[in-house]
Amino acid sequence: MSKLAKIEALLFVAGEDGLKVHQLAEILSLPPTGVIQSLEKLAEQYEVNPDSSLTLLETSKTYKLVTKPEFAEILRAYSRAPINQSLSRAALETLSIIAYKQPITRVEIDDIRGVNSSGALAKLLAFELVREDGKKEVIGRPNLYVTTDYFLDYMGINHLDELPIVEETELVAEESQLFIERTDIDENQ
């Protein structure tokens, strides 16, 4: 597995947050200068490859994978498309968390899910099921997310009070069952 492939995988998973050189260097146990050289090489590969829709963006000393500008129109069309497909499990989890815990920040969603939710959140924003609703008054002032009126229509309800009541004990029991099932799967492999 090449350094470039490892960097690409890390940047892909980091999503819109991106990663700084020192973070990549620490994760990969490489010197920062080696990481910078690899990032330059990766950026060049994306630049010259007409079959790649990706490019490397550096802002505020943070690197992230983004799509090339020439794909903007097709991506806009995708984001405006009606929901004629089911939402992914990640998007549904994220939507459920926002519905029950709103207003909530992406970091708080990530803490609940245990994984980065930026991709699922971007899809929910594009489908207008959630929206930004101000900033949380803490350091960094992260965006707060809430559900939209379209979410209510999508769910077929008139008010959030009509959402099924989920007891905290039910959630703990479900999580315990998932852990047991996961353990069984791991033991059988």
N, C-alpha and C. Protein backbone atom coordinates (compact mmCIF):
# COMPACT_ATOMS: atom_id res chain seq x y z
N MET A 1 0.85 -1.18 0.00
CA MET A 1 0.00 0.00 0.00
C MET A 1 0.90 1.25 0.00
N SER A 2 0.72 2.10 -0.97
CA SER A 2 1.59 3.28 -1.11
C SER A 2 1.21 4.39 -0.15
N LYS A 3 2.17 5.29 0.09
CA LYS A 3 1.91 6.47 0.93
C LYS A 3 0.77 7.28 0.35
N LEU A 4 0.77 7.44 -0.98
CA LEU A 4 -0.26 8.26 -1.61
C LEU A 4 -1.64 7.66 -1.38
N ALA A 5 -1.76 6.34 -1.48
CA ALA A 5 -3.04 5.68 -1.25
C ALA A 5 -3.49 5.86 0.20
N LYS A 6 -2.55 5.79 1.12
CA LYS A 6 -2.89 5.98 2.54
C LYS A 6 -3.36 7.41 2.79
N ILE A 7 -2.66 8.38 2.22
CA ILE A 7 -3.05 9.79 2.38
C ILE A 7 -4.42 10.02 1.77
N GLU A 8 -4.64 9.47 0.58
CA GLU A 8 -5.92 9.62 -0.10
C GLU A 8 -7.05 9.03 0.74
N ALA A 9 -6.84 7.85 1.31
CA ALA A 9 -7.86 7.21 2.15
C ALA A 9 -8.16 8.06 3.38
N LEU A 10 -7.13 8.59 4.01
CA LEU A 10 -7.33 9.43 5.20
C LEU A 10 -8.09 10.70 4.85
N LEU A 11 -7.73 11.34 3.75
CA LEU A 11 -8.42 12.57 3.34
C LEU A 11 -9.86 12.28 2.96
N PHE A 12 -10.11 11.14 2.34
CA PHE A 12 -11.47 10.75 1.98
C PHE A 12 -12.33 10.61 3.23
N VAL A 13 -11.81 9.91 4.24
CA VAL A 13 -12.56 9.68 5.47
C VAL A 13 -12.72 10.98 6.26
N ALA A 14 -11.73 11.85 6.21
CA ALA A 14 -11.81 13.13 6.95
C ALA A 14 -12.90 14.03 6.38
N GLY A 15 -13.25 13.83 5.11
CA GLY A 15 -14.33 14.61 4.52
C GLY A 15 -14.06 16.08 4.49
N GLU A 16 -15.11 16.86 4.77
CA GLU A 16 -15.00 18.31 4.67
C GLU A 16 -14.10 18.92 5.75
N ASP A 17 -13.80 18.15 6.80
CA ASP A 17 -12.91 18.66 7.84
C ASP A 17 -11.47 18.71 7.36
N GLY A 18 -11.11 17.77 6.50
CA GLY A 18 -9.74 17.71 6.02
C GLY A 18 -8.76 17.35 7.12
N LEU A 19 -7.49 17.35 6.78
CA LEU A 19 -6.43 17.05 7.75
C LEU A 19 -5.26 17.99 7.52
N LYS A 20 -4.58 18.32 8.59
CA LYS A 20 -3.38 19.14 8.51
C LYS A 20 -2.16 18.24 8.32
N VAL A 21 -1.09 18.83 7.81
CA VAL A 21 0.13 18.06 7.54
C VAL A 21 0.61 17.34 8.80
N HIS A 22 0.60 18.03 9.93
CA HIS A 22 1.11 17.40 11.14
C HIS A 22 0.23 16.22 11.57
N GLN A 23 -1.08 16.27 11.29
CA GLN A 23 -1.95 15.15 11.61
C GLN A 23 -1.62 13.95 10.72
N LEU A 24 -1.46 14.21 9.42
CA LEU A 24 -1.09 13.13 8.50
C LEU A 24 0.26 12.54 8.88
N ALA A 25 1.21 13.41 9.21
CA ALA A 25 2.55 12.95 9.59
C ALA A 25 2.49 12.05 10.82
N GLU A 26 1.69 12.45 11.79
CA GLU A 26 1.57 11.67 13.02
C GLU A 26 0.93 10.31 12.76
N ILE A 27 -0.17 10.31 12.01
CA ILE A 27 -0.90 9.06 11.74
C ILE A 27 -0.03 8.09 10.93
N LEU A 28 0.70 8.63 9.96
CA LEU A 28 1.49 7.79 9.05
C LEU A 28 2.92 7.57 9.52
N SER A 29 3.29 8.19 10.64
CA SER A 29 4.67 8.09 11.16
C SER A 29 5.69 8.51 10.10
N LEU A 30 5.41 9.66 9.49
CA LEU A 30 6.29 10.22 8.46
C LEU A 30 6.71 11.62 8.86
N PRO A 31 7.85 12.09 8.34
CA PRO A 31 8.22 13.48 8.61
C PRO A 31 7.29 14.42 7.82
N PRO A 32 6.99 15.59 8.37
CA PRO A 32 6.11 16.54 7.67
C PRO A 32 6.56 16.85 6.25
N THR A 33 7.88 16.93 6.02
CA THR A 33 8.36 17.24 4.67
C THR A 33 8.00 16.11 3.69
N GLY A 34 8.04 14.88 4.17
CA GLY A 34 7.65 13.75 3.33
C GLY A 34 6.16 13.78 3.01
N VAL A 35 5.36 14.20 3.98
CA VAL A 35 3.92 14.30 3.76
C VAL A 35 3.63 15.38 2.74
N ILE A 36 4.32 16.52 2.86
CA ILE A 36 4.11 17.62 1.91
C ILE A 36 4.47 17.18 0.49
N GLN A 37 5.59 16.47 0.34
CA GLN A 37 5.98 15.98 -0.98
C GLN A 37 4.93 15.01 -1.53
N SER A 38 4.41 14.15 -0.68
CA SER A 38 3.38 13.21 -1.12
C SER A 38 2.10 13.94 -1.50
N LEU A 39 1.73 14.97 -0.75
CA LEU A 39 0.54 15.74 -1.07
C LEU A 39 0.70 16.45 -2.42
N GLU A 40 1.89 16.98 -2.67
CA GLU A 40 2.15 17.63 -3.97
C GLU A 40 2.04 16.62 -5.11
N LYS A 41 2.57 15.42 -4.89
CA LYS A 41 2.52 14.39 -5.91
C LYS A 41 1.06 13.95 -6.15
N LEU A 42 0.29 13.81 -5.08
CA LEU A 42 -1.12 13.43 -5.20
C LEU A 42 -1.90 14.51 -5.95
N ALA A 43 -1.65 15.77 -5.62
CA ALA A 43 -2.32 16.88 -6.30
C ALA A 43 -2.00 16.87 -7.80
N GLU A 44 -0.74 16.59 -8.13
CA GLU A 44 -0.32 16.53 -9.53
C GLU A 44 -1.02 15.38 -10.26
N GLN A 45 -1.12 14.23 -9.59
CA GLN A 45 -1.80 13.08 -10.21
C GLN A 45 -3.26 13.42 -10.53
N TYR A 46 -3.93 14.07 -9.60
CA TYR A 46 -5.33 14.46 -9.85
C TYR A 46 -5.41 15.47 -10.99
N GLU A 47 -4.46 16.39 -11.03
CA GLU A 47 -4.45 17.45 -12.05
C GLU A 47 -4.34 16.89 -13.46
N VAL A 48 -3.45 15.92 -13.64
CA VAL A 48 -3.18 15.42 -14.99
C VAL A 48 -4.10 14.28 -15.41
N ASN A 49 -4.86 13.72 -14.48
CA ASN A 49 -5.72 12.58 -14.80
C ASN A 49 -7.11 13.06 -15.20
N PRO A 50 -7.44 13.01 -16.50
CA PRO A 50 -8.76 13.46 -16.94
C PRO A 50 -9.89 12.53 -16.50
N ASP A 51 -9.55 11.32 -16.05
CA ASP A 51 -10.55 10.37 -15.60
C ASP A 51 -10.86 10.49 -14.10
N SER A 52 -10.21 11.43 -13.44
CA SER A 52 -10.47 11.64 -12.01
C SER A 52 -11.30 12.89 -11.83
N SER A 53 -12.33 12.79 -11.01
CA SER A 53 -13.17 13.96 -10.71
C SER A 53 -12.66 14.70 -9.48
N LEU A 54 -11.61 14.18 -8.86
CA LEU A 54 -11.11 14.76 -7.61
C LEU A 54 -9.92 15.68 -7.82
N THR A 55 -9.77 16.55 -6.85
CA THR A 55 -8.58 17.39 -6.77
C THR A 55 -8.29 17.61 -5.30
N LEU A 56 -7.10 18.07 -5.01
CA LEU A 56 -6.67 18.32 -3.64
C LEU A 56 -6.77 19.82 -3.38
N LEU A 57 -7.43 20.19 -2.29
CA LEU A 57 -7.60 21.59 -1.93
C LEU A 57 -6.90 21.84 -0.61
N GLU A 58 -6.13 22.91 -0.56
CA GLU A 58 -5.46 23.31 0.67
C GLU A 58 -5.99 24.67 1.09
N THR A 59 -6.60 24.72 2.26
CA THR A 59 -7.06 25.98 2.82
C THR A 59 -6.70 26.00 4.30
N SER A 60 -6.17 27.13 4.72
CA SER A 60 -5.77 27.29 6.12
C SER A 60 -4.89 26.14 6.60
N LYS A 61 -3.99 25.71 5.75
CA LYS A 61 -3.04 24.63 6.04
C LYS A 61 -3.74 23.30 6.31
N THR A 62 -4.96 23.16 5.80
CA THR A 62 -5.72 21.92 5.91
C THR A 62 -5.96 21.41 4.50
N TYR A 63 -5.72 20.13 4.30
CA TYR A 63 -5.89 19.51 2.99
C TYR A 63 -7.16 18.69 2.98
N LYS A 64 -7.90 18.77 1.87
CA LYS A 64 -9.12 17.98 1.70
C LYS A 64 -9.29 17.58 0.26
N LEU A 65 -9.99 16.47 0.07
CA LEU A 65 -10.36 16.04 -1.27
C LEU A 65 -11.66 16.73 -1.65
N VAL A 66 -11.68 17.31 -2.84
CA VAL A 66 -12.89 17.96 -3.36
C VAL A 66 -13.04 17.58 -4.83
N THR A 67 -14.20 17.87 -5.38
CA THR A 67 -14.39 17.60 -6.80
C THR A 67 -13.85 18.77 -7.61
N LYS A 68 -13.44 18.47 -8.83
CA LYS A 68 -12.93 19.50 -9.72
C LYS A 68 -14.07 20.46 -10.09
N PRO A 69 -13.74 21.72 -10.35
CA PRO A 69 -14.78 22.72 -10.67
C PRO A 69 -15.67 22.34 -11.85
N GLU A 70 -15.13 21.63 -12.83
CA GLU A 70 -15.94 21.29 -14.01
C GLU A 70 -17.09 20.32 -13.70
N PHE A 71 -17.14 19.77 -12.49
CA PHE A 71 -18.22 18.86 -12.11
C PHE A 71 -19.31 19.58 -11.31
N ALA A 72 -19.18 20.89 -11.15
CA ALA A 72 -20.13 21.65 -10.33
C ALA A 72 -21.56 21.53 -10.83
N GLU A 73 -21.77 21.63 -12.13
CA GLU A 73 -23.13 21.59 -12.66
C GLU A 73 -23.81 20.24 -12.43
N ILE A 74 -23.11 19.16 -12.68
CA ILE A 74 -23.72 17.85 -12.48
C ILE A 74 -23.99 17.60 -11.00
N LEU A 75 -23.14 18.11 -10.12
CA LEU A 75 -23.36 17.94 -8.68
C LEU A 75 -24.52 18.81 -8.20
N ARG A 76 -24.68 20.00 -8.80
CA ARG A 76 -25.84 20.83 -8.48
C ARG A 76 -27.13 20.11 -8.88
N ALA A 77 -27.11 19.50 -10.06
CA ALA A 77 -28.28 18.77 -10.53
C ALA A 77 -28.60 17.61 -9.57
N TYR A 78 -27.58 16.94 -9.11
CA TYR A 78 -27.78 15.84 -8.16
C TYR A 78 -28.39 16.36 -6.87
N SER A 79 -27.88 17.47 -6.37
CA SER A 79 -28.37 17.99 -5.09
C SER A 79 -29.81 18.49 -5.19
N ARG A 80 -30.23 18.88 -6.40
CA ARG A 80 -31.60 19.36 -6.59
C ARG A 80 -32.57 18.24 -6.90
N ALA A 81 -32.05 17.06 -7.16
CA ALA A 81 -32.92 15.93 -7.53
C ALA A 81 -33.84 15.58 -6.37
N PRO A 82 -35.09 15.24 -6.68
CA PRO A 82 -36.01 14.84 -5.60
C PRO A 82 -35.53 13.53 -4.99
N ILE A 83 -35.98 13.30 -3.80
CA ILE A 83 -35.59 12.05 -3.14
C ILE A 83 -36.38 10.92 -3.77
N ASN A 84 -35.76 10.27 -4.73
CA ASN A 84 -36.42 9.14 -5.36
C ASN A 84 -35.65 7.87 -5.07
N GLN A 85 -34.78 7.98 -4.11
CA GLN A 85 -34.01 6.83 -3.67
C GLN A 85 -34.03 6.83 -2.15
N SER A 86 -33.79 5.72 -1.55
CA SER A 86 -33.81 5.68 -0.10
C SER A 86 -32.53 6.31 0.44
N LEU A 87 -32.64 6.84 1.63
CA LEU A 87 -31.47 7.42 2.28
C LEU A 87 -30.59 6.29 2.82
N SER A 88 -29.29 6.53 2.83
CA SER A 88 -28.36 5.54 3.37
C SER A 88 -28.59 5.38 4.87
N ARG A 89 -28.08 4.31 5.41
CA ARG A 89 -28.20 4.09 6.86
C ARG A 89 -27.55 5.24 7.63
N ALA A 90 -26.40 5.70 7.15
CA ALA A 90 -25.70 6.81 7.82
C ALA A 90 -26.56 8.07 7.82
N ALA A 91 -27.21 8.35 6.68
CA ALA A 91 -28.06 9.54 6.59
C ALA A 91 -29.28 9.40 7.50
N LEU A 92 -29.87 8.20 7.54
CA LEU A 92 -31.02 7.98 8.41
C LEU A 92 -30.65 8.11 9.89
N GLU A 93 -29.49 7.56 10.26
CA GLU A 93 -29.03 7.70 11.65
C GLU A 93 -28.84 9.17 12.00
N THR A 94 -28.18 9.88 11.10
CA THR A 94 -27.91 11.30 11.33
C THR A 94 -29.21 12.08 11.42
N LEU A 95 -30.14 11.79 10.53
CA LEU A 95 -31.44 12.47 10.54
C LEU A 95 -32.19 12.19 11.84
N SER A 96 -32.16 10.95 12.30
CA SER A 96 -32.84 10.59 13.55
C SER A 96 -32.24 11.35 14.73
N ILE A 97 -30.93 11.41 14.77
CA ILE A 97 -30.27 12.11 15.87
C ILE A 97 -30.65 13.58 15.86
N ILE A 98 -30.65 14.21 14.70
CA ILE A 98 -31.02 15.62 14.61
C ILE A 98 -32.47 15.80 15.04
N ALA A 99 -33.36 14.93 14.57
CA ALA A 99 -34.78 15.05 14.90
C ALA A 99 -35.02 15.00 16.40
N TYR A 100 -34.34 14.11 17.10
CA TYR A 100 -34.57 13.93 18.53
C TYR A 100 -33.74 14.84 19.42
N LYS A 101 -32.60 15.33 18.93
CA LYS A 101 -31.69 16.09 19.79
C LYS A 101 -31.55 17.55 19.37
N GLN A 102 -32.30 18.01 18.37
CA GLN A 102 -32.10 19.36 17.84
C GLN A 102 -32.36 20.45 18.87
N PRO A 103 -31.65 21.57 18.73
CA PRO A 103 -30.55 21.84 17.80
C PRO A 103 -29.28 21.12 18.27
N ILE A 104 -28.48 20.69 17.29
CA ILE A 104 -27.31 19.89 17.60
C ILE A 104 -26.20 20.22 16.59
N THR A 105 -24.95 20.12 17.03
CA THR A 105 -23.81 20.38 16.15
C THR A 105 -23.36 19.08 15.48
N ARG A 106 -22.58 19.20 14.41
CA ARG A 106 -22.07 18.01 13.74
C ARG A 106 -21.17 17.20 14.67
N VAL A 107 -20.37 17.89 15.48
CA VAL A 107 -19.47 17.18 16.39
C VAL A 107 -20.28 16.37 17.40
N GLU A 108 -21.39 16.94 17.88
CA GLU A 108 -22.24 16.20 18.81
C GLU A 108 -22.87 14.98 18.12
N ILE A 109 -23.24 15.13 16.86
CA ILE A 109 -23.77 14.01 16.08
C ILE A 109 -22.69 12.94 15.94
N ASP A 110 -21.47 13.37 15.60
CA ASP A 110 -20.35 12.43 15.46
C ASP A 110 -20.11 11.66 16.76
N ASP A 111 -20.19 12.37 17.89
CA ASP A 111 -19.99 11.72 19.19
C ASP A 111 -21.04 10.64 19.44
N ILE A 112 -22.27 10.91 19.07
CA ILE A 112 -23.34 9.93 19.27
C ILE A 112 -23.16 8.74 18.34
N ARG A 113 -22.85 9.01 17.06
CA ARG A 113 -22.71 7.94 16.06
C ARG A 113 -21.38 7.21 16.18
N GLY A 114 -20.36 7.91 16.66
CA GLY A 114 -19.04 7.30 16.76
C GLY A 114 -18.23 7.36 15.48
N VAL A 115 -18.76 8.05 14.46
CA VAL A 115 -18.05 8.21 13.19
C VAL A 115 -18.33 9.61 12.64
N ASN A 116 -17.54 10.00 11.66
CA ASN A 116 -17.73 11.30 11.01
C ASN A 116 -19.04 11.30 10.23
N SER A 117 -19.84 12.32 10.45
CA SER A 117 -21.16 12.40 9.82
C SER A 117 -21.25 13.49 8.76
N SER A 118 -20.13 14.04 8.35
CA SER A 118 -20.17 15.18 7.43
C SER A 118 -20.81 14.83 6.10
N GLY A 119 -20.54 13.64 5.56
CA GLY A 119 -21.13 13.25 4.28
C GLY A 119 -22.64 13.08 4.38
N ALA A 120 -23.09 12.40 5.43
CA ALA A 120 -24.53 12.21 5.63
C ALA A 120 -25.21 13.55 5.86
N LEU A 121 -24.58 14.41 6.63
CA LEU A 121 -25.15 15.72 6.91
C LEU A 121 -25.24 16.55 5.63
N ALA A 122 -24.22 16.48 4.79
CA ALA A 122 -24.25 17.22 3.52
C ALA A 122 -25.41 16.74 2.65
N LYS A 123 -25.66 15.44 2.63
CA LYS A 123 -26.76 14.90 1.83
C LYS A 123 -28.11 15.37 2.39
N LEU A 124 -28.25 15.36 3.71
CA LEU A 124 -29.49 15.81 4.34
C LEU A 124 -29.73 17.30 4.08
N LEU A 125 -28.65 18.09 4.08
CA LEU A 125 -28.77 19.52 3.75
C LEU A 125 -29.18 19.69 2.29
N ALA A 126 -28.55 18.91 1.40
CA ALA A 126 -28.87 19.01 -0.03
C ALA A 126 -30.32 18.63 -0.29
N PHE A 127 -30.84 17.65 0.44
CA PHE A 127 -32.23 17.23 0.27
C PHE A 127 -33.20 18.10 1.08
N GLU A 128 -32.65 19.09 1.76
CA GLU A 128 -33.43 20.05 2.55
C GLU A 128 -34.27 19.38 3.64
N LEU A 129 -33.75 18.28 4.20
CA LEU A 129 -34.39 17.64 5.34
C LEU A 129 -33.94 18.28 6.64
N VAL A 130 -32.75 18.87 6.62
CA VAL A 130 -32.23 19.63 7.77
C VAL A 130 -31.68 20.96 7.27
N ARG A 131 -31.48 21.86 8.20
CA ARG A 131 -30.92 23.17 7.86
C ARG A 131 -30.07 23.67 9.02
N GLU A 132 -29.20 24.63 8.70
CA GLU A 132 -28.43 25.30 9.74
C GLU A 132 -29.36 26.25 10.47
N ASP A 133 -29.20 26.33 11.78
CA ASP A 133 -30.06 27.20 12.59
C ASP A 133 -29.22 27.92 13.63
N GLY A 134 -28.31 28.75 13.16
CA GLY A 134 -27.49 29.54 14.06
C GLY A 134 -26.21 28.84 14.45
N LYS A 135 -25.58 29.43 15.46
CA LYS A 135 -24.29 28.92 15.94
C LYS A 135 -24.40 28.63 17.43
N LYS A 136 -23.69 27.61 17.88
CA LYS A 136 -23.64 27.30 19.30
C LYS A 136 -22.65 28.25 19.96
N GLU A 137 -23.01 28.78 21.08
CA GLU A 137 -22.18 29.77 21.77
C GLU A 137 -21.08 29.09 22.58
N VAL A 138 -20.15 28.48 21.87
CA VAL A 138 -18.97 27.86 22.47
C VAL A 138 -17.78 28.23 21.59
N ILE A 139 -16.59 27.86 22.02
CA ILE A 139 -15.39 28.16 21.23
C ILE A 139 -15.53 27.52 19.85
N GLY A 140 -15.27 28.30 18.82
CA GLY A 140 -15.37 27.83 17.45
C GLY A 140 -16.73 28.09 16.83
N ARG A 141 -17.73 28.37 17.66
CA ARG A 141 -19.09 28.66 17.22
C ARG A 141 -19.56 27.74 16.09
N PRO A 142 -19.67 26.42 16.39
CA PRO A 142 -20.11 25.48 15.33
C PRO A 142 -21.58 25.70 14.96
N ASN A 143 -21.92 25.30 13.73
CA ASN A 143 -23.29 25.40 13.26
C ASN A 143 -24.20 24.47 14.06
N LEU A 144 -25.42 24.93 14.28
CA LEU A 144 -26.46 24.09 14.88
C LEU A 144 -27.39 23.62 13.76
N TYR A 145 -27.82 22.38 13.83
CA TYR A 145 -28.68 21.81 12.80
C TYR A 145 -30.03 21.42 13.40
N VAL A 146 -31.08 21.66 12.62
CA VAL A 146 -32.44 21.30 12.99
C VAL A 146 -33.13 20.72 11.76
N THR A 147 -34.24 20.05 11.99
CA THR A 147 -35.02 19.53 10.86
C THR A 147 -35.83 20.66 10.24
N THR A 148 -36.31 20.43 9.02
CA THR A 148 -37.07 21.43 8.27
C THR A 148 -38.55 21.04 8.20
N ASP A 149 -39.35 21.95 7.66
CA ASP A 149 -40.76 21.63 7.41
C ASP A 149 -40.85 20.50 6.39
N TYR A 150 -39.92 20.47 5.44
CA TYR A 150 -39.92 19.38 4.46
C TYR A 150 -39.71 18.03 5.14
N PHE A 151 -38.92 18.01 6.20
CA PHE A 151 -38.72 16.78 6.98
C PHE A 151 -40.06 16.28 7.52
N LEU A 152 -40.85 17.22 8.06
CA LEU A 152 -42.16 16.84 8.59
C LEU A 152 -43.02 16.23 7.49
N ASP A 153 -43.02 16.87 6.29
CA ASP A 153 -43.77 16.33 5.15
C ASP A 153 -43.25 14.96 4.77
N TYR A 154 -41.93 14.82 4.71
CA TYR A 154 -41.29 13.57 4.33
C TYR A 154 -41.68 12.45 5.29
N MET A 155 -41.78 12.79 6.58
CA MET A 155 -42.13 11.81 7.60
C MET A 155 -43.64 11.61 7.72
N GLY A 156 -44.42 12.52 7.09
CA GLY A 156 -45.87 12.41 7.16
C GLY A 156 -46.44 12.82 8.50
N ILE A 157 -45.77 13.77 9.16
CA ILE A 157 -46.25 14.26 10.45
C ILE A 157 -46.39 15.78 10.39
N ASN A 158 -47.13 16.33 11.34
CA ASN A 158 -47.35 17.77 11.37
C ASN A 158 -46.45 18.49 12.35
N HIS A 159 -45.96 17.76 13.35
CA HIS A 159 -45.13 18.38 14.38
C HIS A 159 -44.17 17.35 14.95
N LEU A 160 -43.06 17.80 15.47
CA LEU A 160 -42.05 16.89 16.02
C LEU A 160 -42.59 16.07 17.19
N ASP A 161 -43.62 16.60 17.88
CA ASP A 161 -44.21 15.84 18.98
C ASP A 161 -44.82 14.53 18.51
N GLU A 162 -45.06 14.40 17.21
CA GLU A 162 -45.66 13.19 16.65
C GLU A 162 -44.62 12.10 16.36
N LEU A 163 -43.34 12.41 16.55
CA LEU A 163 -42.32 11.38 16.37
C LEU A 163 -42.51 10.29 17.42
N PRO A 164 -42.23 9.06 17.09
CA PRO A 164 -42.36 7.98 18.09
C PRO A 164 -41.50 8.29 19.31
N ILE A 165 -42.02 7.95 20.47
CA ILE A 165 -41.27 8.18 21.71
C ILE A 165 -40.23 7.07 21.84
N VAL A 166 -39.00 7.46 22.01
CA VAL A 166 -37.91 6.50 22.16
C VAL A 166 -37.38 6.64 23.57
N GLU A 167 -37.52 5.59 24.34
CA GLU A 167 -37.02 5.60 25.70
C GLU A 167 -35.51 5.36 25.69
N GLU A 168 -34.83 6.01 26.59
CA GLU A 168 -33.38 5.85 26.69
C GLU A 168 -33.03 4.39 26.94
N THR A 169 -33.85 3.67 27.73
CA THR A 169 -33.56 2.26 28.01
C THR A 169 -33.68 1.41 26.75
N GLU A 170 -34.60 1.78 25.82
CA GLU A 170 -34.72 1.05 24.56
C GLU A 170 -33.45 1.20 23.74
N LEU A 171 -32.92 2.42 23.73
CA LEU A 171 -31.69 2.66 22.97
C LEU A 171 -30.54 1.86 23.53
N VAL A 172 -30.41 1.82 24.86
CA VAL A 172 -29.34 1.06 25.49
C VAL A 172 -29.50 -0.42 25.16
N ALA A 173 -30.74 -0.94 25.23
CA ALA A 173 -30.99 -2.35 24.92
C ALA A 173 -30.64 -2.66 23.47
N GLU A 174 -31.02 -1.76 22.54
CA GLU A 174 -30.70 -1.97 21.13
C GLU A 174 -29.20 -1.96 20.91
N GLU A 175 -28.50 -1.01 21.56
CA GLU A 175 -27.04 -0.93 21.42
C GLU A 175 -26.40 -2.20 21.97
N SER A 176 -26.91 -2.70 23.10
CA SER A 176 -26.37 -3.93 23.69
C SER A 176 -26.57 -5.10 22.74
N GLN A 177 -27.75 -5.20 22.14
CA GLN A 177 -28.05 -6.28 21.20
C GLN A 177 -27.13 -6.20 19.99
N LEU A 178 -26.91 -4.97 19.47
CA LEU A 178 -26.01 -4.80 18.34
C LEU A 178 -24.60 -5.24 18.71
N PHE A 179 -24.18 -4.93 19.95
CA PHE A 179 -22.85 -5.32 20.39
C PHE A 179 -22.75 -6.85 20.45
N ILE A 180 -23.80 -7.49 20.97
CA ILE A 180 -23.81 -8.96 21.07
C ILE A 180 -23.75 -9.57 19.67
N GLU A 181 -24.57 -9.03 18.74
CA GLU A 181 -24.57 -9.55 17.37
C GLU A 181 -23.20 -9.35 16.73
N ARG A 182 -22.59 -8.18 16.93
CA ARG A 182 -21.28 -7.88 16.36
C ARG A 182 -20.25 -8.84 16.93
N THR A 183 -20.31 -9.12 18.24
CA THR A 183 -19.37 -10.03 18.88
C THR A 183 -19.52 -11.44 18.30
N ASP A 184 -20.78 -11.88 18.11
CA ASP A 184 -21.03 -13.19 17.52
C ASP A 184 -20.43 -13.29 16.12
N ILE A 185 -20.61 -12.25 15.33
CA ILE A 185 -20.08 -12.23 13.96
C ILE A 185 -18.56 -12.30 13.99
N ASP A 186 -17.94 -11.49 14.88
CA ASP A 186 -16.48 -11.47 14.97
C ASP A 186 -15.92 -12.83 15.40
N GLU A 187 -16.62 -13.49 16.35
CA GLU A 187 -16.16 -14.79 16.83
C GLU A 187 -16.27 -15.87 15.77
N ASN A 188 -17.27 -15.75 14.89
CA ASN A 188 -17.49 -16.75 13.84
C ASN A 188 -16.58 -16.58 12.65
N GLN A 189 -15.87 -15.51 12.58
CA GLN A 189 -15.01 -15.26 11.41
C GLN A 189 -13.66 -15.87 11.58
